[in-house]
Protein backbone atom coordinates (compact mmCIF):
# COMPACT_ATOMS: atom_id res chain seq x y z
CA MET A 1 -14.26 45.13 35.13
CA LYS A 2 -12.92 47.12 32.14
CA LEU A 3 -13.12 46.69 28.41
CA TYR A 4 -9.83 47.29 26.64
CA PRO A 5 -9.10 47.44 22.92
CA ILE A 6 -5.60 45.99 22.34
CA CYS A 7 -3.38 48.10 20.06
CA GLY A 8 -6.65 49.06 18.16
CA LEU A 9 -7.10 45.48 17.07
CA LEU A 10 -10.19 44.42 18.90
CA LEU A 11 -12.59 46.33 16.73
CA ILE A 12 -10.93 44.75 13.73
CA LEU A 13 -11.24 41.35 15.28
CA ALA A 14 -15.00 41.66 15.51
CA GLY A 15 -15.67 40.83 11.93
CA GLY A 16 -13.52 37.71 12.01
CA PHE A 17 -15.12 36.39 15.10
CA ALA A 18 -18.69 37.05 14.04
CA ASN A 19 -18.35 34.77 11.10
CA ALA A 20 -16.94 32.04 13.40
CA GLN A 21 -20.02 32.39 15.67
CA GLU A 22 -22.54 32.26 12.85
CA GLN A 23 -20.86 29.23 11.35
CA ALA A 24 -20.50 27.25 14.56
CA LYS A 25 -23.53 27.28 16.71
CA PRO A 26 -22.88 25.91 20.24
CA ASN A 27 -25.13 22.86 19.69
CA ASP A 28 -22.42 20.29 20.48
CA ALA A 29 -18.88 19.83 21.50
CA ALA A 30 -17.66 19.63 17.99
CA ALA A 31 -19.22 22.93 17.04
CA ALA A 32 -17.84 24.62 20.15
CA GLN A 33 -14.31 23.23 19.28
CA THR A 34 -14.60 24.63 15.79
CA ALA A 35 -15.59 28.10 17.15
CA GLU A 36 -12.64 28.07 19.53
CA GLN A 37 -10.22 27.09 16.69
CA GLN A 38 -11.52 29.92 14.60
CA LEU A 39 -11.08 32.41 17.38
CA ARG A 40 -7.44 31.15 17.76
CA GLU A 41 -6.82 31.48 14.03
CA SER A 42 -8.28 35.04 13.93
CA MET A 43 -6.17 36.10 16.94
CA ALA A 44 -3.02 34.64 15.31
CA ARG A 45 -3.82 36.54 12.15
CA LEU A 46 -4.82 39.92 13.65
CA ALA A 47 -2.87 39.91 16.87
CA PRO A 48 0.25 37.84 16.05
CA ASP A 49 2.29 39.34 18.87
CA MET A 50 -0.05 38.13 21.56
CA GLU A 51 0.96 34.73 23.00
CA ILE A 52 -2.12 32.43 23.14
CA THR A 53 -1.78 29.46 25.40
CA ALA A 54 -5.43 28.39 25.28
CA ILE A 55 -8.87 29.53 24.33
CA SER A 56 -11.93 27.86 25.77
CA GLU A 57 -15.38 28.53 27.06
CA SER A 58 -15.37 30.10 30.49
CA VAL A 59 -17.64 29.35 33.43
CA MET A 60 -19.81 32.36 32.33
CA PRO A 61 -22.16 31.30 29.45
CA GLY A 62 -21.28 32.80 26.19
CA VAL A 63 -17.89 34.18 27.24
CA TYR A 64 -14.58 32.76 26.18
CA GLU A 65 -11.54 32.46 28.41
CA LEU A 66 -8.18 33.34 26.77
CA ILE A 67 -5.01 32.24 28.58
CA SER A 68 -1.84 34.17 27.56
CA GLY A 69 1.11 32.76 29.65
CA ALA A 70 -0.02 33.22 33.22
CA GLN A 71 -2.58 35.92 32.36
CA VAL A 72 -6.31 35.45 31.99
CA PHE A 73 -8.59 37.46 29.72
CA TYR A 74 -12.12 37.11 28.45
CA LEU A 75 -13.62 37.49 24.96
CA THR A 76 -17.15 38.28 24.05
CA PRO A 77 -18.74 35.79 21.66
CA ASP A 78 -18.52 38.15 18.72
CA GLY A 79 -14.95 39.00 19.51
CA ARG A 80 -15.51 42.70 19.70
CA TYR A 81 -14.40 43.13 23.30
CA MET A 82 -11.71 41.69 25.47
CA VAL A 83 -12.15 42.02 29.18
CA GLU A 84 -9.28 41.99 31.76
CA GLY A 85 -10.70 41.43 35.14
CA SER A 86 -12.30 38.86 37.46
CA ILE A 87 -15.39 36.52 37.27
CA ILE A 88 -16.63 36.25 40.82
CA ASP A 89 -18.96 33.49 42.08
CA LEU A 90 -21.16 35.58 44.39
CA GLU A 91 -22.87 32.49 45.79
CA ASN A 92 -19.66 30.91 47.04
CA ARG A 93 -17.79 34.20 47.44
CA VAL A 94 -14.91 32.92 45.21
CA ASP A 95 -12.90 34.99 42.72
CA ILE A 96 -12.67 32.30 40.05
CA SER A 97 -10.35 34.30 37.87
CA GLU A 98 -7.86 35.01 40.69
CA GLN A 99 -7.88 31.28 41.47
CA ARG A 100 -7.15 30.53 37.79
CA ARG A 101 -4.30 33.11 37.70
CA GLY A 102 -2.84 31.67 40.86
CA ALA A 103 -2.84 28.15 39.52
CA LEU A 104 -1.25 29.26 36.23
CA GLN A 105 1.48 31.24 37.99
CA MET A 106 2.22 28.64 40.59
CA ASN A 107 2.64 26.06 37.81
CA LEU A 108 5.20 28.39 36.16
CA ILE A 109 6.94 28.86 39.45
CA ASN A 110 7.06 25.18 40.14
CA GLU A 111 8.76 24.45 36.83
CA ILE A 112 11.86 25.80 38.64
CA PRO A 113 13.28 23.04 40.87
CA GLU A 114 13.98 24.00 44.47
CA ASP A 115 17.73 23.33 43.94
CA GLN A 116 17.53 26.49 41.74
CA MET A 117 16.13 28.53 44.56
CA VAL A 118 17.54 29.68 47.97
CA VAL A 119 15.38 27.68 50.40
CA PHE A 120 15.04 28.15 54.24
CA ASN A 121 13.47 25.10 55.88
CA ASN A 122 12.68 23.94 59.37
CA GLU A 123 15.30 22.23 61.52
CA THR A 124 14.41 18.77 60.24
CA GLY A 125 14.17 19.85 56.66
CA ASP A 126 10.73 18.39 56.07
CA ALA A 127 8.30 21.30 56.09
CA GLU A 128 5.26 20.30 53.94
CA ARG A 129 3.96 23.77 53.24
CA SER A 130 5.72 26.66 51.52
CA ILE A 131 5.75 30.28 50.50
CA THR A 132 7.74 31.51 47.40
CA VAL A 133 9.16 34.99 47.45
CA PHE A 134 10.70 37.05 44.69
CA THR A 135 13.31 39.03 46.67
CA ASP A 136 16.10 41.53 46.29
CA SER A 137 18.72 41.80 49.05
CA ASP A 138 18.72 45.56 48.63
CA CYS A 139 14.97 45.97 49.32
CA GLY A 140 13.76 47.28 52.71
CA TYR A 141 10.62 45.31 52.90
CA CYS A 142 12.39 42.17 51.81
CA GLN A 143 14.78 42.73 54.67
CA LYS A 144 11.88 43.21 57.04
CA LEU A 145 10.30 39.91 55.93
CA HIS A 146 13.67 38.10 56.19
CA ALA A 147 14.06 39.32 59.86
CA GLU A 148 10.88 37.20 60.57
CA ILE A 149 11.84 34.13 58.56
CA GLY A 150 12.62 32.12 61.70
CA ASN A 151 8.94 32.44 62.74
CA ILE A 152 7.75 31.14 59.36
CA THR A 153 10.13 28.08 59.30
CA ASP A 154 9.28 27.36 62.94
CA ALA A 155 5.68 26.98 61.77
CA ASN A 156 6.90 24.22 59.43
CA ILE A 157 6.58 26.45 56.42
CA ARG A 158 9.64 26.58 54.19
CA VAL A 159 10.57 29.85 52.41
CA ARG A 160 11.70 29.57 48.75
CA TYR A 161 13.53 32.62 47.45
CA LEU A 162 13.58 33.63 43.83
CA LEU A 163 16.32 36.21 43.04
CA PHE A 164 15.14 39.45 41.45
CA PRO A 165 17.57 42.42 41.40
CA ARG A 166 15.28 45.45 40.98
CA ALA A 167 18.00 47.58 39.52
CA GLY A 168 18.69 45.25 36.72
CA ILE A 169 20.74 42.11 35.88
CA ASP A 170 24.08 44.09 35.72
CA SER A 171 23.49 46.01 38.90
CA ALA A 172 25.33 45.96 42.23
CA SER A 173 22.35 44.10 43.83
CA SER A 174 22.48 41.56 41.06
CA ARG A 175 26.22 40.99 41.83
CA GLU A 176 25.37 40.69 45.53
CA LEU A 177 22.66 38.10 44.81
CA GLU A 178 25.06 36.15 42.60
CA SER A 179 27.56 36.21 45.57
CA VAL A 180 24.79 34.83 47.85
CA TRP A 181 24.01 32.08 45.27
CA CYS A 182 27.77 31.14 44.83
CA ALA A 183 28.37 31.09 48.64
CA ALA A 184 29.11 27.77 50.30
CA ASP A 185 26.25 28.46 52.75
CA GLN A 186 23.56 30.28 50.72
CA GLN A 187 21.27 30.76 53.75
CA GLU A 188 23.90 32.41 55.82
CA ALA A 189 25.02 34.60 52.96
CA MET A 190 21.44 35.67 52.29
CA THR A 191 21.00 36.59 55.96
CA ILE A 192 24.24 38.57 55.86
CA ALA A 193 23.12 40.42 52.69
CA LYS A 194 19.66 41.21 54.17
CA ASN A 195 21.24 42.55 57.33
CA ARG A 196 23.35 44.87 55.06
CA GLY A 197 26.53 42.94 55.80
CA GLU A 198 29.20 42.24 53.24
CA VAL A 199 29.06 38.99 51.39
CA PRO A 200 32.39 37.92 49.93
CA PRO A 201 32.19 38.53 46.11
CA ALA A 202 31.84 35.41 44.08
CA THR A 203 30.80 34.47 40.53
CA CYS A 204 29.50 31.21 39.26
CA GLU A 205 26.73 29.75 37.10
CA ASN A 206 23.43 30.97 38.60
CA PRO A 207 19.71 31.03 37.97
CA ILE A 208 19.18 34.83 38.37
CA GLN A 209 18.31 35.45 34.72
CA SER A 210 15.71 32.68 34.75
CA HIS A 211 14.16 34.16 37.86
CA VAL A 212 13.97 37.57 36.26
CA ASP A 213 12.28 36.10 33.16
CA LEU A 214 9.81 34.32 35.37
CA ALA A 215 9.05 37.55 37.28
CA ARG A 216 8.19 39.24 34.06
CA GLN A 217 5.82 36.33 33.12
CA VAL A 218 3.84 36.56 36.39
CA GLY A 219 3.64 40.39 36.22
CA LEU A 220 5.98 41.39 39.10
CA ARG A 221 5.87 45.05 39.82
CA GLY A 222 7.89 45.20 42.99
CA THR A 223 9.56 43.11 45.72
CA PRO A 224 8.82 41.32 47.76
CA LEU A 225 6.24 39.41 45.72
CA ILE A 226 4.91 36.49 47.77
CA TYR A 227 3.03 33.39 46.63
CA LEU A 228 1.44 31.13 49.12
CA ASP A 229 1.27 27.50 48.08
CA ASN A 230 -2.54 27.71 47.84
CA GLY A 231 -2.07 30.06 44.85
CA THR A 232 -2.65 33.35 46.67
CA LYS A 233 -0.51 36.17 45.34
CA ILE A 234 0.57 38.92 47.78
CA PRO A 235 2.23 41.99 46.24
CA GLY A 236 4.30 43.42 49.06
CA TYR A 237 5.26 42.72 52.59
CA GLN A 238 2.98 40.88 55.04
CA PRO A 239 3.89 40.11 58.66
CA ALA A 240 4.98 36.52 59.31
CA ALA A 241 2.02 35.97 61.58
CA GLU A 242 -0.42 36.87 58.82
CA LEU A 243 1.34 34.57 56.30
CA ILE A 244 1.25 31.74 58.76
CA LYS A 245 -2.40 32.27 59.49
CA MET A 246 -3.21 32.20 55.75
CA ILE A 247 -1.19 29.09 55.12
CA GLU A 248 -2.67 27.28 58.12
CA GLY A 249 -6.18 28.17 57.06
CA SER A 250 -5.89 26.87 53.56
CA GLU A 251 -5.04 23.78 51.41
CA PRO A 252 -2.14 23.71 48.84
CA LEU A 253 -3.07 23.88 45.23
CA VAL A 254 -3.08 20.61 43.32
CA LEU A 255 -0.88 21.58 40.50
CA ALA A 256 -0.93 20.35 36.95
CA LYS A 257 1.56 17.64 36.13
């Protein structure tokens, strides 16, 4: 794990946090809550551009967890250092931080209803498990994954596409994705686009900008970006057989209401 000063602020933050720790010894819940509130106030004052969703004690004694959107960071008790990395439970072989990030990001993804995604389901339309994929029709590995989509849906796993034009919201690929969205049969149009066929141009109200905004929140760096419904994040192509195996060997996350 690495220690990062953020914009030169972490060394400055140390003084403000030290006072909070001296004044609020962790003797009881009320004192802990006071310390966390003082940490939040110091961050708001000294790092006002950093979004703070929550600050709380982490599973590691003496270390605070800071949630910023869908990202997880850790603060030392004196506030001098911020750590970006993972806490790993060696006894249970579990990456606790990755599980936390997965749950946070899946909650953000599931704020988008499925009628605002392009969804491929099984023949009866009742697949209980799912994968969610940020995709671009003009992406070779996205096309490769789509060529195997029948194998995934045949395993009773639905594929939920979020639309992410890598070249930008005003690009040719964005216009193609808009045409896919506006088509009478979105699934057929997506398959045509992924096979490098010509989708009849069309414009209409669409969710592409909201998908792009979400991609930024979860830290997308390329397509395809795949999320299994157990919270596992897979940056890049994985064969359908591997995705199916991972889904069948796991349980879906219980997401926050």
